[in-house]
């Protein structure tokens, strides 16, 4: 008779390779040795010894029964596991099988952080993160769980991410991925506000808005939500803005680059005002108005908006030179 018929499943499980089988069950749960030992009701040192098969120390029968119960709870057939553990692929293996660079970048963009800041969230250095995103190296299992946590916090379904990472996105991720500065400037120009004025609406400084518009950094998810609301108030959807970031031209710059002096004079004369009186209307000095008309000094953006308002009051197109 075949002696195998007298060997029960516990004995077969404890044959050489049992450490790999235990590790596979743990990997399928996606937990650390400490977490897995807690699930089993044993100490971490014992679990670690089993996985490394030191001195052929294997779990007792009662621990085996607990291992089998945990395995079956996640769909692992013990006979198949004993025969070939590799047929069960854990989530980390699925993640790094292909396109991990795209997946990590998608998680970072959805989380709303530049590379240096996101590396701090994950617990690695920025260079390591960069190497992952260019597929030079792949993250270890340890960092995978930090990436997974960040993905879930950003509302990403890991199954969708693994199936087709290119399609996993969101308006926020698209917003900060390309031309973010120009999009923010378009929304600000739709309000006709200065950097400081727009910053007050958002709840940040004008300096922060300037950095966003220059592309030196991007707004976090908290500020994005406010920016989105401001855009919608001007009937601008983020989806449309992602397609056309230059929705609004900077008419202030256009004004300053044209012959603005005669236009200022035309507006003043339409109000039949002397330079000093016109200056009072604008809240500036008489010499300032004189310098504008001579084009020796450019009006500030705030002054431009006041001039534009006065021009509209007399039916004057401020850009008609």
Foldseek 3Di string as FASTA:
>chain_A
DPCVVVDDLVNLCLDPPVLVLLVLLVLQVLDDLCVVCVQLVHHSVLNVCQNVCVVSDHDDPSSVVSSCVSCVVSPHDSVVCSVPVVVDDHLVCLCPVDDVLLLLLQLCLLQFFPQQVVCVQLVHGSVVNVCCNVVVDHDDSSSVVSSVVSSVVSVHDSVVCSVPVVPDHDLSSLCLVPQVLLLLVQLCVLVLDQLQVVCVQLVHGSVVNVCRNVPVTHDGPSSVVSSQVSCVVSVHHSVVCSVPSNPDDPVLVVCLVDLQLVLLVVLCVLVPHDLQRVCVQQVHHSVVNVCSNVSVDRDDSSSVVSSCVSCVVSPHDSNPD
